[in-house]
Structure formats: structure tokens, C-alpha cells
Amino acid sequence: MRSSHEPPSDHGEPSRAQHLHTVVAIDTSNGSIAGFTELVVPGNGAGDGQHYGTAVLPEHRGHGLGLWMKAESIRQGSRDYPDLGGLLTDTADSNTHMREINDGLGYTPTHTTHQHQLDL
């Protein structure tokens, strides 16, 4: 797991101090990244953490990497931040694979959001 104290700028988190943890899966045949998941923890290590991006390259899908990476980030986050109150994640209804992973890890739906776009 890699750690940074800079919040990822493309996710719109508040500008307060946060910890970004990234777990990556490496393809040992060539050293390239096969997938990753991000966990953002509040700067004080308490409250709720937030899972953001989780992705596996198409050629590496179907081997459980998404589940493994997300589970590993939960394990490490729980170990490193014992005052975390919980973890949040969001997943599109259409992303059935990630919804299955989240369900298997014990995430439960809490609310539904709707996004709308206006083309200008």
C-alpha cells in the first residue's frame, strides 16, 4: 500500500488534510499495474473513510483482483486507523461486478443518488 497526505484533486474532496492509500496489483510477468483501489481517510484518522476508484485492466479481470485489492485496503485501513468509524463507497447500478464485490465485503446500501447533466 502506498500512502500520501495529498487528497486526490479529481474527486472533489474537501481541501482539509487527508490520507490517500492506494493498493495496486502488479502483473509479475512484466511489472505493469494490473489494477488499483484508493482509500481516503480523514486527516485525524477518525470518522468515515471513503473508497474511491477501483479498477482492473480488462486483460486481468475475472481473477478476483478487484476483491483482493479492496479487501486488502480495508484490512490495512482498519489496522492503521483503529478510530475509523466505517468506510463508504459508491457504485453505479450498472456496475454489477463491483456491486457484487461490495456486497461480499459487507457494504450495505444506504441511499441512492441521481446525477443529471445539462449540455451547454
PDB file of N, CA and C in Angstrom:
ATOM      1  N   MET A   1       0.847  -1.157   0.000  1.00  0.00           N
ATOM      2  CA  MET A   1       0.000   0.000   0.000  1.00  0.00           C
ATOM      3  C   MET A   1       0.894   1.221   0.000  1.00  0.00           C
ATOM      4  N   ARG A   2       0.544   2.187  -0.816  1.00  0.00           N
ATOM      5  CA  ARG A   2       1.276   3.442  -0.841  1.00  0.00           C
ATOM      6  C   ARG A   2       0.426   4.495  -0.159  1.00  0.00           C
ATOM      7  N   SER A   3       1.060   5.436   0.490  1.00  0.00           N
ATOM      8  CA  SER A   3       0.323   6.439   1.241  1.00  0.00           C
ATOM      9  C   SER A   3       0.786   7.829   0.845  1.00  0.00           C
ATOM     10  N   SER A   4      -0.151   8.746   0.808  1.00  0.00           N
ATOM     11  CA  SER A   4       0.154  10.136   0.532  1.00  0.00           C
ATOM     12  C   SER A   4      -0.735  10.994   1.416  1.00  0.00           C
ATOM     13  N   HIS A   5      -0.285  12.171   1.766  1.00  0.00           N
ATOM     14  CA  HIS A   5      -1.100  13.079   2.573  1.00  0.00           C
ATOM     15  C   HIS A   5      -1.822  14.092   1.707  1.00  0.00           C
ATOM     16  N   GLU A   6      -1.765  13.962   0.411  1.00  0.00           N
ATOM     17  CA  GLU A   6      -2.449  14.868  -0.502  1.00  0.00           C
ATOM     18  C   GLU A   6      -3.733  14.228  -0.978  1.00  0.00           C
ATOM     19  N   PRO A   7      -4.873  14.936  -0.855  1.00  0.00           N
ATOM     20  CA  PRO A   7      -6.112  14.365  -1.387  1.00  0.00           C
ATOM     21  C   PRO A   7      -6.073  14.350  -2.901  1.00  0.00           C
ATOM     22  N   PRO A   8      -6.634  13.345  -3.531  1.00  0.00           N
ATOM     23  CA  PRO A   8      -6.682  13.332  -4.988  1.00  0.00           C
ATOM     24  C   PRO A   8      -7.530  14.497  -5.476  1.00  0.00           C
ATOM     25  N   SER A   9      -6.999  15.305  -6.377  1.00  0.00           N
ATOM     26  CA  SER A   9      -7.670  16.534  -6.787  1.00  0.00           C
ATOM     27  C   SER A   9      -8.857  16.297  -7.695  1.00  0.00           C
ATOM     28  N   ASP A  10      -8.970  15.154  -8.332  1.00  0.00           N
ATOM     29  CA  ASP A  10     -10.047  14.944  -9.290  1.00  0.00           C
ATOM     30  C   ASP A  10     -11.289  14.315  -8.678  1.00  0.00           C
ATOM     31  N   HIS A  11     -11.346  14.170  -7.361  1.00  0.00           N
ATOM     32  CA  HIS A  11     -12.526  13.570  -6.738  1.00  0.00           C
ATOM     33  C   HIS A  11     -13.357  14.576  -5.966  1.00  0.00           C
ATOM     34  N   GLY A  12     -12.886  15.815  -5.843  1.00  0.00           N
ATOM     35  CA  GLY A  12     -13.671  16.838  -5.199  1.00  0.00           C
ATOM     36  C   GLY A  12     -13.750  16.748  -3.683  1.00  0.00           C
ATOM     37  N   GLU A  13     -12.814  16.097  -3.024  1.00  0.00           N
ATOM     38  CA  GLU A  13     -12.831  16.066  -1.571  1.00  0.00           C
ATOM     39  C   GLU A  13     -12.546  17.459  -1.034  1.00  0.00           C
ATOM     40  N   PRO A  14     -12.956  17.722   0.199  1.00  0.00           N
ATOM     41  CA  PRO A  14     -12.597  18.988   0.829  1.00  0.00           C
ATOM     42  C   PRO A  14     -11.084  19.137   0.894  1.00  0.00           C
ATOM     43  N   SER A  15     -10.611  20.359   1.012  1.00  0.00           N
ATOM     44  CA  SER A  15      -9.175  20.603   0.959  1.00  0.00           C
ATOM     45  C   SER A  15      -8.486  20.363   2.302  1.00  0.00           C
ATOM     46  N   ARG A  16      -9.180  19.836   3.315  1.00  0.00           N
ATOM     47  CA  ARG A  16      -8.530  19.542   4.589  1.00  0.00           C
ATOM     48  C   ARG A  16      -7.562  18.369   4.398  1.00  0.00           C
ATOM     49  N   ALA A  17      -6.664  18.225   5.352  1.00  0.00           N
ATOM     50  CA  ALA A  17      -5.674  17.151   5.255  1.00  0.00           C
ATOM     51  C   ALA A  17      -6.362  15.792   5.274  1.00  0.00           C
ATOM     52  N   GLN A  18      -5.952  14.945   4.368  1.00  0.00           N
ATOM     53  CA  GLN A  18      -6.465  13.584   4.282  1.00  0.00           C
ATOM     54  C   GLN A  18      -5.310  12.668   3.913  1.00  0.00           C
ATOM     55  N   HIS A  19      -5.532  11.384   4.108  1.00  0.00           N
ATOM     56  CA  HIS A  19      -4.533  10.388   3.740  1.00  0.00           C
ATOM     57  C   HIS A  19      -5.088   9.565   2.588  1.00  0.00           C
ATOM     58  N   LEU A  20      -4.338   9.487   1.513  1.00  0.00           N
ATOM     59  CA  LEU A  20      -4.719   8.674   0.359  1.00  0.00           C
ATOM     60  C   LEU A  20      -3.890   7.401   0.381  1.00  0.00           C
ATOM     61  N   HIS A  21      -4.569   6.266   0.383  1.00  0.00           N
ATOM     62  CA  HIS A  21      -3.904   4.965   0.343  1.00  0.00           C
ATOM     63  C   HIS A  21      -4.297   4.278  -0.954  1.00  0.00           C
ATOM     64  N   THR A  22      -3.311   3.778  -1.653  1.00  0.00           N
ATOM     65  CA  THR A  22      -3.551   3.086  -2.915  1.00  0.00           C
ATOM     66  C   THR A  22      -2.960   1.690  -2.830  1.00  0.00           C
ATOM     67  N   VAL A  23      -3.783   0.705  -3.113  1.00  0.00           N
ATOM     68  CA  VAL A  23      -3.318  -0.679  -3.210  1.00  0.00           C
ATOM     69  C   VAL A  23      -3.290  -1.020  -4.690  1.00  0.00           C
ATOM     70  N   VAL A  24      -2.177  -1.560  -5.156  1.00  0.00           N
ATOM     71  CA  VAL A  24      -2.051  -1.926  -6.565  1.00  0.00           C
ATOM     72  C   VAL A  24      -1.748  -3.412  -6.700  1.00  0.00           C
ATOM     73  N   ALA A  25      -2.206  -3.975  -7.806  1.00  0.00           N
ATOM     74  CA  ALA A  25      -1.856  -5.348  -8.184  1.00  0.00           C
ATOM     75  C   ALA A  25      -0.894  -5.240  -9.358  1.00  0.00           C
ATOM     76  N   ILE A  26       0.233  -5.891  -9.255  1.00  0.00           N
ATOM     77  CA  ILE A  26       1.272  -5.827 -10.280  1.00  0.00           C
ATOM     78  C   ILE A  26       1.289  -7.129 -11.071  1.00  0.00           C
ATOM     79  N   ASP A  27       1.330  -7.006 -12.388  1.00  0.00           N
ATOM     80  CA  ASP A  27       1.497  -8.158 -13.274  1.00  0.00           C
ATOM     81  C   ASP A  27       2.966  -8.565 -13.193  1.00  0.00           C
ATOM     82  N   THR A  28       3.247  -9.694 -12.563  1.00  0.00           N
ATOM     83  CA  THR A  28       4.638 -10.101 -12.348  1.00  0.00           C
ATOM     84  C   THR A  28       5.356 -10.494 -13.629  1.00  0.00           C
ATOM     85  N   SER A  29       4.615 -10.731 -14.710  1.00  0.00           N
ATOM     86  CA  SER A  29       5.276 -11.105 -15.960  1.00  0.00           C
ATOM     87  C   SER A  29       5.974  -9.926 -16.617  1.00  0.00           C
ATOM     88  N   ASN A  30       5.503  -8.694 -16.335  1.00  0.00           N
ATOM     89  CA  ASN A  30       6.130  -7.539 -16.984  1.00  0.00           C
ATOM     90  C   ASN A  30       6.250  -6.319 -16.075  1.00  0.00           C
ATOM     91  N   GLY A  31       5.792  -6.422 -14.836  1.00  0.00           N
ATOM     92  CA  GLY A  31       5.921  -5.319 -13.885  1.00  0.00           C
ATOM     93  C   GLY A  31       4.902  -4.205 -14.036  1.00  0.00           C
ATOM     94  N   SER A  32       3.930  -4.379 -14.911  1.00  0.00           N
ATOM     95  CA  SER A  32       2.932  -3.325 -15.114  1.00  0.00           C
ATOM     96  C   SER A  32       1.820  -3.427 -14.068  1.00  0.00           C
ATOM     97  N   ILE A  33       1.104  -2.334 -13.901  1.00  0.00           N
ATOM     98  CA  ILE A  33      -0.020  -2.308 -12.970  1.00  0.00           C
ATOM     99  C   ILE A  33      -1.214  -2.995 -13.616  1.00  0.00           C
ATOM    100  N   ALA A  34      -1.782  -3.975 -12.916  1.00  0.00           N
ATOM    101  CA  ALA A  34      -2.960  -4.693 -13.407  1.00  0.00           C
ATOM    102  C   ALA A  34      -4.244  -4.085 -12.859  1.00  0.00           C
ATOM    103  N   GLY A  35      -4.150  -3.425 -11.702  1.00  0.00           N
ATOM    104  CA  GLY A  35      -5.323  -2.808 -11.097  1.00  0.00           C
ATOM    105  C   GLY A  35      -4.934  -2.007  -9.877  1.00  0.00           C
ATOM    106  N   PHE A  36      -5.899  -1.239  -9.360  1.00  0.00           N
ATOM    107  CA  PHE A  36      -5.662  -0.423  -8.171  1.00  0.00           C
ATOM    108  C   PHE A  36      -6.983  -0.170  -7.455  1.00  0.00           C
ATOM    109  N   THR A  37      -6.884   0.235  -6.205  1.00  0.00           N
ATOM    110  CA  THR A  37      -8.015   0.784  -5.462  1.00  0.00           C
ATOM    111  C   THR A  37      -7.490   1.872  -4.546  1.00  0.00           C
ATOM    112  N   GLU A  38      -8.329   2.893  -4.314  1.00  0.00           N
ATOM    113  CA  GLU A  38      -7.955   4.029  -3.483  1.00  0.00           C
ATOM    114  C   GLU A  38      -8.852   4.092  -2.251  1.00  0.00           C
ATOM    115  N   LEU A  39      -8.245   4.387  -1.124  1.00  0.00           N
ATOM    116  CA  LEU A  39      -8.979   4.620   0.115  1.00  0.00           C
ATOM    117  C   LEU A  39      -8.508   5.951   0.679  1.00  0.00           C
ATOM    118  N   VAL A  40      -9.450   6.866   0.935  1.00  0.00           N
ATOM    119  CA  VAL A  40      -9.134   8.162   1.522  1.00  0.00           C
ATOM    120  C   VAL A  40      -9.629   8.161   2.964  1.00  0.00           C
ATOM    121  N   VAL A  41      -8.721   8.516   3.878  1.00  0.00           N
ATOM    122  CA  VAL A  41      -9.001   8.531   5.310  1.00  0.00           C
ATOM    123  C   VAL A  41      -8.882   9.974   5.795  1.00  0.00           C
ATOM    124  N   PRO A  42      -9.824  10.435   6.645  1.00  0.00           N
ATOM    125  CA  PRO A  42      -9.699  11.785   7.199  1.00  0.00           C
ATOM    126  C   PRO A  42      -8.343  11.978   7.868  1.00  0.00           C
ATOM    127  N   GLY A  43      -7.846  13.204   7.839  1.00  0.00           N
ATOM    128  CA  GLY A  43      -6.520  13.507   8.362  1.00  0.00           C
ATOM    129  C   GLY A  43      -6.298  13.113   9.802  1.00  0.00           C
ATOM    130  N   ASN A  44      -7.354  13.149  10.612  1.00  0.00           N
ATOM    131  CA  ASN A  44      -7.198  12.769  12.017  1.00  0.00           C
ATOM    132  C   ASN A  44      -7.364  11.266  12.233  1.00  0.00           C
ATOM    133  N   GLY A  45      -7.627  10.517  11.159  1.00  0.00           N
ATOM    134  CA  GLY A  45      -7.744   9.062  11.249  1.00  0.00           C
ATOM    135  C   GLY A  45      -9.034   8.575  11.876  1.00  0.00           C
ATOM    136  N   ALA A  46      -9.986   9.482  12.098  1.00  0.00           N
ATOM    137  CA  ALA A  46     -11.262   9.115  12.717  1.00  0.00           C
ATOM    138  C   ALA A  46     -12.405   9.465  11.769  1.00  0.00           C
ATOM    139  N   GLY A  47     -13.591   8.977  12.081  1.00  0.00           N
ATOM    140  CA  GLY A  47     -14.742   9.228  11.210  1.00  0.00           C
ATOM    141  C   GLY A  47     -14.823   8.152  10.145  1.00  0.00           C
ATOM    142  N   ASP A  48     -15.379   8.513   9.014  1.00  0.00           N
ATOM    143  CA  ASP A  48     -15.548   7.552   7.925  1.00  0.00           C
ATOM    144  C   ASP A  48     -14.511   7.758   6.835  1.00  0.00           C
ATOM    145  N   GLY A  49     -13.920   6.655   6.374  1.00  0.00           N
ATOM    146  CA  GLY A  49     -13.067   6.674   5.202  1.00  0.00           C
ATOM    147  C   GLY A  49     -13.935   6.487   3.964  1.00  0.00           C
ATOM    148  N   GLN A  50     -13.351   6.743   2.807  1.00  0.00           N
ATOM    149  CA  GLN A  50     -14.106   6.655   1.552  1.00  0.00           C
ATOM    150  C   GLN A  50     -13.284   5.901   0.509  1.00  0.00           C
ATOM    151  N   HIS A  51     -13.862   4.819  -0.011  1.00  0.00           N
ATOM    152  CA  HIS A  51     -13.255   4.155  -1.160  1.00  0.00           C
ATOM    153  C   HIS A  51     -13.629   4.945  -2.400  1.00  0.00           C
ATOM    154  N   TYR A  52     -12.661   5.273  -3.204  1.00  0.00           N
ATOM    155  CA  TYR A  52     -12.913   5.960  -4.463  1.00  0.00           C
ATOM    156  C   TYR A  52     -12.687   4.963  -5.592  1.00  0.00           C
ATOM    157  N   GLY A  53     -11.741   5.233  -6.456  1.00  0.00           N
ATOM    158  CA  GLY A  53     -11.573   4.394  -7.634  1.00  0.00           C
ATOM    159  C   GLY A  53     -11.083   2.994  -7.325  1.00  0.00           C
ATOM    160  N   THR A  54     -11.672   2.027  -7.999  1.00  0.00           N
ATOM    161  CA  THR A  54     -11.166   0.655  -8.040  1.00  0.00           C
ATOM    162  C   THR A  54     -11.279   0.223  -9.488  1.00  0.00           C
ATOM    163  N   ALA A  55     -10.186  -0.236 -10.058  1.00  0.00           N
ATOM    164  CA  ALA A  55     -10.223  -0.647 -11.462  1.00  0.00           C
ATOM    165  C   ALA A  55      -9.229  -1.772 -11.705  1.00  0.00           C
ATOM    166  N   VAL A  56      -9.596  -2.646 -12.622  1.00  0.00           N
ATOM    167  CA  VAL A  56      -8.725  -3.731 -13.080  1.00  0.00           C
ATOM    168  C   VAL A  56      -8.719  -3.674 -14.601  1.00  0.00           C
ATOM    169  N   LEU A  57      -7.540  -3.716 -15.191  1.00  0.00           N
ATOM    170  CA  LEU A  57      -7.451  -3.697 -16.653  1.00  0.00           C
ATOM    171  C   LEU A  57      -8.179  -4.904 -17.238  1.00  0.00           C
ATOM    172  N   PRO A  58      -8.806  -4.727 -18.399  1.00  0.00           N
ATOM    173  CA  PRO A  58      -9.622  -5.805 -18.982  1.00  0.00           C
ATOM    174  C   PRO A  58      -8.913  -7.153 -19.078  1.00  0.00           C
ATOM    175  N   GLU A  59      -7.654  -7.155 -19.430  1.00  0.00           N
ATOM    176  CA  GLU A  59      -6.946  -8.429 -19.605  1.00  0.00           C
ATOM    177  C   GLU A  59      -6.660  -9.141 -18.280  1.00  0.00           C
ATOM    178  N   HIS A  60      -6.911  -8.475 -17.154  1.00  0.00           N
ATOM    179  CA  HIS A  60      -6.669  -9.081 -15.836  1.00  0.00           C
ATOM    180  C   HIS A  60      -7.962  -9.343 -15.068  1.00  0.00           C
ATOM    181  N   ARG A  61      -9.087  -9.091 -15.679  1.00  0.00           N
ATOM    182  CA  ARG A  61     -10.369  -9.275 -14.988  1.00  0.00           C
ATOM    183  C   ARG A  61     -10.728 -10.752 -14.891  1.00  0.00           C
ATOM    184  N   GLY A  62     -11.583 -11.063 -13.925  1.00  0.00           N
ATOM    185  CA  GLY A  62     -12.063 -12.431 -13.754  1.00  0.00           C
ATOM    186  C   GLY A  62     -11.186 -13.296 -12.866  1.00  0.00           C
ATOM    187  N   HIS A  63     -10.200 -12.688 -12.199  1.00  0.00           N
ATOM    188  CA  HIS A  63      -9.291 -13.447 -11.333  1.00  0.00           C
ATOM    189  C   HIS A  63      -9.391 -13.026  -9.871  1.00  0.00           C
ATOM    190  N   GLY A  64     -10.352 -12.177  -9.539  1.00  0.00           N
ATOM    191  CA  GLY A  64     -10.545 -11.760  -8.155  1.00  0.00           C
ATOM    192  C   GLY A  64      -9.669 -10.614  -7.692  1.00  0.00           C
ATOM    193  N   LEU A  65      -8.996  -9.920  -8.619  1.00  0.00           N
ATOM    194  CA  LEU A  65      -8.103  -8.834  -8.206  1.00  0.00           C
ATOM    195  C   LEU A  65      -8.853  -7.680  -7.556  1.00  0.00           C
ATOM    196  N   GLY A  66     -10.009  -7.307  -8.102  1.00  0.00           N
ATOM    197  CA  GLY A  66     -10.782  -6.212  -7.516  1.00  0.00           C
ATOM    198  C   GLY A  66     -11.152  -6.510  -6.078  1.00  0.00           C
ATOM    199  N   LEU A  67     -11.639  -7.708  -5.833  1.00  0.00           N
ATOM    200  CA  LEU A  67     -11.999  -8.125  -4.475  1.00  0.00           C
ATOM    201  C   LEU A  67     -10.769  -8.140  -3.578  1.00  0.00           C
ATOM    202  N   TRP A  68      -9.681  -8.721  -4.053  1.00  0.00           N
ATOM    203  CA  TRP A  68      -8.468  -8.805  -3.244  1.00  0.00           C
ATOM    204  C   TRP A  68      -7.958  -7.418  -2.875  1.00  0.00           C
ATOM    205  N   MET A  69      -7.881  -6.509  -3.857  1.00  0.00           N
ATOM    206  CA  MET A  69      -7.337  -5.176  -3.582  1.00  0.00           C
ATOM    207  C   MET A  69      -8.215  -4.407  -2.601  1.00  0.00           C
ATOM    208  N   LYS A  70      -9.524  -4.457  -2.814  1.00  0.00           N
ATOM    209  CA  LYS A  70     -10.423  -3.720  -1.929  1.00  0.00           C
ATOM    210  C   LYS A  70     -10.383  -4.314  -0.520  1.00  0.00           C
ATOM    211  N   ALA A  71     -10.363  -5.638  -0.405  1.00  0.00           N
ATOM    212  CA  ALA A  71     -10.271  -6.287   0.908  1.00  0.00           C
ATOM    213  C   ALA A  71      -8.955  -5.933   1.598  1.00  0.00           C
ATOM    214  N   GLU A  72      -7.875  -5.896   0.843  1.00  0.00           N
ATOM    215  CA  GLU A  72      -6.570  -5.550   1.419  1.00  0.00           C
ATOM    216  C   GLU A  72      -6.561  -4.107   1.907  1.00  0.00           C
ATOM    217  N   SER A  73      -7.171  -3.205   1.158  1.00  0.00           N
ATOM    218  CA  SER A  73      -7.208  -1.812   1.611  1.00  0.00           C
ATOM    219  C   SER A  73      -8.050  -1.679   2.880  1.00  0.00           C
ATOM    220  N   ILE A  74      -9.129  -2.453   2.994  1.00  0.00           N
ATOM    221  CA  ILE A  74      -9.941  -2.450   4.216  1.00  0.00           C
ATOM    222  C   ILE A  74      -9.120  -2.989   5.387  1.00  0.00           C
ATOM    223  N   ARG A  75      -8.407  -4.088   5.160  1.00  0.00           N
ATOM    224  CA  ARG A  75      -7.589  -4.681   6.219  1.00  0.00           C
ATOM    225  C   ARG A  75      -6.528  -3.698   6.705  1.00  0.00           C
ATOM    226  N   GLN A  76      -5.820  -3.082   5.765  1.00  0.00           N
ATOM    227  CA  GLN A  76      -4.761  -2.157   6.142  1.00  0.00           C
ATOM    228  C   GLN A  76      -5.319  -0.884   6.768  1.00  0.00           C
ATOM    229  N   GLY A  77      -6.432  -0.382   6.227  1.00  0.00           N
ATOM    230  CA  GLY A  77      -7.051   0.808   6.809  1.00  0.00           C
ATOM    231  C   GLY A  77      -7.503   0.564   8.239  1.00  0.00           C
ATOM    232  N   SER A  78      -8.101  -0.597   8.485  1.00  0.00           N
ATOM    233  CA  SER A  78      -8.542  -0.950   9.844  1.00  0.00           C
ATOM    234  C   SER A  78      -7.358  -1.068  10.796  1.00  0.00           C
ATOM    235  N   ARG A  79      -6.280  -1.630  10.301  1.00  0.00           N
ATOM    236  CA  ARG A  79      -5.079  -1.793  11.127  1.00  0.00           C
ATOM    237  C   ARG A  79      -4.433  -0.440  11.431  1.00  0.00           C
ATOM    238  N   ASP A  80      -4.296   0.399  10.406  1.00  0.00           N
ATOM    239  CA  ASP A  80      -3.565   1.656  10.550  1.00  0.00           C
ATOM    240  C   ASP A  80      -4.390   2.774  11.177  1.00  0.00           C
ATOM    241  N   TYR A  81      -5.713   2.669  11.105  1.00  0.00           N
ATOM    242  CA  TYR A  81      -6.603   3.721  11.612  1.00  0.00           C
ATOM    243  C   TYR A  81      -7.696   3.093  12.474  1.00  0.00           C
ATOM    244  N   PRO A  82      -7.370   2.682  13.690  1.00  0.00           N
ATOM    245  CA  PRO A  82      -8.355   1.997  14.532  1.00  0.00           C
ATOM    246  C   PRO A  82      -9.540   2.874  14.923  1.00  0.00           C
ATOM    247  N   ASP A  83      -9.430   4.194  14.756  1.00  0.00           N
ATOM    248  CA  ASP A  83     -10.532   5.086  15.108  1.00  0.00           C
ATOM    249  C   ASP A  83     -11.481   5.350  13.950  1.00  0.00           C
ATOM    250  N   LEU A  84     -11.267   4.688  12.814  1.00  0.00           N
ATOM    251  CA  LEU A  84     -12.220   4.849  11.707  1.00  0.00           C
ATOM    252  C   LEU A  84     -13.585   4.347  12.156  1.00  0.00           C
ATOM    253  N   GLY A  85     -14.610   5.129  11.837  1.00  0.00           N
ATOM    254  CA  GLY A  85     -15.960   4.722  12.200  1.00  0.00           C
ATOM    255  C   GLY A  85     -16.560   3.757  11.205  1.00  0.00           C
ATOM    256  N   GLY A  86     -16.119   3.838   9.976  1.00  0.00           N
ATOM    257  CA  GLY A  86     -16.643   2.988   8.915  1.00  0.00           C
ATOM    258  C   GLY A  86     -16.034   3.387   7.588  1.00  0.00           C
ATOM    259  N   LEU A  87     -16.442   2.703   6.542  1.00  0.00           N
ATOM    260  CA  LEU A  87     -15.971   3.005   5.195  1.00  0.00           C
ATOM    261  C   LEU A  87     -17.175   3.175   4.290  1.00  0.00           C
ATOM    262  N   LEU A  88     -17.099   4.159   3.422  1.00  0.00           N
ATOM    263  CA  LEU A  88     -18.144   4.435   2.450  1.00  0.00           C
ATOM    264  C   LEU A  88     -17.628   4.117   1.061  1.00  0.00           C
ATOM    265  N   THR A  89     -18.519   3.767   0.176  1.00  0.00           N
ATOM    266  CA  THR A  89     -18.174   3.572  -1.223  1.00  0.00           C
ATOM    267  C   THR A  89     -19.398   3.904  -2.042  1.00  0.00           C
ATOM    268  N   ASP A  90     -19.211   4.207  -3.292  1.00  0.00           N
ATOM    269  CA  ASP A  90     -20.360   4.414  -4.173  1.00  0.00           C
ATOM    270  C   ASP A  90     -20.124   3.651  -5.460  1.00  0.00           C
ATOM    271  N   THR A  91     -21.196   3.111  -5.987  1.00  0.00           N
ATOM    272  CA  THR A  91     -21.112   2.246  -7.160  1.00  0.00           C
ATOM    273  C   THR A  91     -22.348   2.442  -8.013  1.00  0.00           C
ATOM    274  N   ALA A  92     -22.147   2.585  -9.302  1.00  0.00           N
ATOM    275  CA  ALA A  92     -23.273   2.715 -10.228  1.00  0.00           C
ATOM    276  C   ALA A  92     -24.075   1.417 -10.260  1.00  0.00           C
ATOM    277  N   ASP A  93     -25.388   1.535 -10.393  1.00  0.00           N
ATOM    278  CA  ASP A  93     -26.239   0.344 -10.505  1.00  0.00           C
ATOM    279  C   ASP A  93     -25.792  -0.565 -11.642  1.00  0.00           C
ATOM    280  N   SER A  94     -25.260   0.031 -12.703  1.00  0.00           N
ATOM    281  CA  SER A  94     -24.859  -0.746 -13.878  1.00  0.00           C
ATOM    282  C   SER A  94     -23.565  -1.530 -13.670  1.00  0.00           C
ATOM    283  N   ASN A  95     -22.807  -1.216 -12.626  1.00  0.00           N
ATOM    284  CA  ASN A  95     -21.525  -1.880 -12.368  1.00  0.00           C
ATOM    285  C   ASN A  95     -21.761  -3.114 -11.487  1.00  0.00           C
ATOM    286  N   THR A  96     -22.323  -4.145 -12.099  1.00  0.00           N
ATOM    287  CA  THR A  96     -22.724  -5.330 -11.333  1.00  0.00           C
ATOM    288  C   THR A  96     -21.544  -6.046 -10.678  1.00  0.00           C
ATOM    289  N   HIS A  97     -20.389  -6.062 -11.332  1.00  0.00           N
ATOM    290  CA  HIS A  97     -19.229  -6.751 -10.749  1.00  0.00           C
ATOM    291  C   HIS A  97     -18.781  -6.072  -9.455  1.00  0.00           C
ATOM    292  N   MET A  98     -18.692  -4.731  -9.468  1.00  0.00           N
ATOM    293  CA  MET A  98     -18.266  -4.034  -8.251  1.00  0.00           C
ATOM    294  C   MET A  98     -19.349  -4.092  -7.183  1.00  0.00           C
ATOM    295  N   ARG A  99     -20.589  -4.091  -7.571  1.00  0.00           N
ATOM    296  CA  ARG A  99     -21.663  -4.231  -6.575  1.00  0.00           C
ATOM    297  C   ARG A  99     -21.562  -5.593  -5.883  1.00  0.00           C
ATOM    298  N   GLU A 100     -21.242  -6.648  -6.637  1.00  0.00           N
ATOM    299  CA  GLU A 100     -21.055  -7.974  -6.035  1.00  0.00           C
ATOM    300  C   GLU A 100     -19.866  -7.979  -5.074  1.00  0.00           C
ATOM    301  N   ILE A 101     -18.782  -7.320  -5.465  1.00  0.00           N
ATOM    302  CA  ILE A 101     -17.612  -7.221  -4.588  1.00  0.00           C
ATOM    303  C   ILE A 101     -17.998  -6.499  -3.304  1.00  0.00           C
ATOM    304  N   ASN A 102     -18.658  -5.346  -3.436  1.00  0.00           N
ATOM    305  CA  ASN A 102     -19.047  -4.575  -2.257  1.00  0.00           C
ATOM    306  C   ASN A 102     -19.995  -5.365  -1.361  1.00  0.00           C
ATOM    307  N   ASP A 103     -20.963  -6.049  -1.965  1.00  0.00           N
ATOM    308  CA  ASP A 103     -21.884  -6.881  -1.180  1.00  0.00           C
ATOM    309  C   ASP A 103     -21.116  -7.962  -0.423  1.00  0.00           C
ATOM    310  N   GLY A 104     -20.165  -8.602  -1.106  1.00  0.00           N
ATOM    311  CA  GLY A 104     -19.378  -9.664  -0.493  1.00  0.00           C
ATOM    312  C   GLY A 104     -18.501  -9.183   0.649  1.00  0.00           C
ATOM    313  N   LEU A 105     -18.097  -7.908   0.593  1.00  0.00           N
ATOM    314  CA  LEU A 105     -17.269  -7.337   1.656  1.00  0.00           C
ATOM    315  C   LEU A 105     -18.105  -6.812   2.816  1.00  0.00           C
ATOM    316  N   GLY A 106     -19.425  -6.844   2.666  1.00  0.00           N
ATOM    317  CA  GLY A 106     -20.291  -6.419   3.759  1.00  0.00           C
ATOM    318  C   GLY A 106     -20.839  -5.014   3.655  1.00  0.00           C
ATOM    319  N   TYR A 107     -20.541  -4.319   2.564  1.00  0.00           N
ATOM    320  CA  TYR A 107     -21.143  -2.999   2.372  1.00  0.00           C
ATOM    321  C   TYR A 107     -22.649  -3.167   2.215  1.00  0.00           C
ATOM    322  N   THR A 108     -23.403  -2.244   2.771  1.00  0.00           N
ATOM    323  CA  THR A 108     -24.856  -2.264   2.611  1.00  0.00           C
ATOM    324  C   THR A 108     -25.303  -0.934   2.022  1.00  0.00           C
ATOM    325  N   PRO A 109     -26.269  -0.958   1.111  1.00  0.00           N
ATOM    326  CA  PRO A 109     -26.761   0.298   0.521  1.00  0.00           C
ATOM    327  C   PRO A 109     -27.381   1.194   1.597  1.00  0.00           C
ATOM    328  N   THR A 110     -27.057   2.479   1.527  1.00  0.00           N
ATOM    329  CA  THR A 110     -27.615   3.436   2.480  1.00  0.00           C
ATOM    330  C   THR A 110     -28.497   4.476   1.804  1.00  0.00           C
ATOM    331  N   HIS A 111     -28.224   4.774   0.547  1.00  0.00           N
ATOM    332  CA  HIS A 111     -29.016   5.770  -0.158  1.00  0.00           C
ATOM    333  C   HIS A 111     -28.763   5.666  -1.657  1.00  0.00           C
ATOM    334  N   THR A 112     -29.599   6.333  -2.410  1.00  0.00           N
ATOM    335  CA  THR A 112     -29.460   6.387  -3.862  1.00  0.00           C
ATOM    336  C   THR A 112     -29.285   7.842  -4.269  1.00  0.00           C
ATOM    337  N   THR A 113     -28.380   8.085  -5.196  1.00  0.00           N
ATOM    338  CA  THR A 113     -28.219   9.433  -5.730  1.00  0.00           C
ATOM    339  C   THR A 113     -28.494   9.402  -7.222  1.00  0.00           C
ATOM    340  N   HIS A 114     -28.849  10.540  -7.736  1.00  0.00           N
ATOM    341  CA  HIS A 114     -29.095  10.685  -9.169  1.00  0.00           C
ATOM    342  C   HIS A 114     -28.237  11.832  -9.674  1.00  0.00           C
ATOM    343  N   GLN A 115     -27.568  11.595 -10.774  1.00  0.00           N
ATOM    344  CA  GLN A 115     -26.776  12.650 -11.392  1.00  0.00           C
ATOM    345  C   GLN A 115     -27.449  13.057 -12.683  1.00  0.00           C
ATOM    346  N   HIS A 116     -27.476  14.346 -12.915  1.00  0.00           N
ATOM    347  CA  HIS A 116     -28.068  14.891 -14.129  1.00  0.00           C
ATOM    348  C   HIS A 116     -27.024  15.750 -14.822  1.00  0.00           C
ATOM    349  N   GLN A 117     -27.091  15.789 -16.126  1.00  0.00           N
ATOM    350  CA  GLN A 117     -26.137  16.574 -16.902  1.00  0.00           C
ATOM    351  C   GLN A 117     -26.895  17.485 -17.836  1.00  0.00           C
ATOM    352  N   LEU A 118     -26.432  18.716 -17.926  1.00  0.00           N
ATOM    353  CA  LEU A 118     -27.002  19.690 -18.847  1.00  0.00           C
ATOM    354  C   LEU A 118     -25.929  20.047 -19.854  1.00  0.00           C
ATOM    355  N   ASP A 119     -26.161  19.743 -21.108  1.00  0.00           N
ATOM    356  CA  ASP A 119     -25.216  20.121 -22.152  1.00  0.00           C
ATOM    357  C   ASP A 119     -25.427  21.588 -22.490  1.00  0.00           C
ATOM    358  N   LEU A 120     -24.359  22.354 -22.505  1.00  0.00           N
ATOM    359  CA  LEU A 120     -24.434  23.790 -22.818  1.00  0.00           C
ATOM    360  C   LEU A 120     -23.968  24.071 -24.220  1.00  0.00           C
TER     361      LEU A 120
END
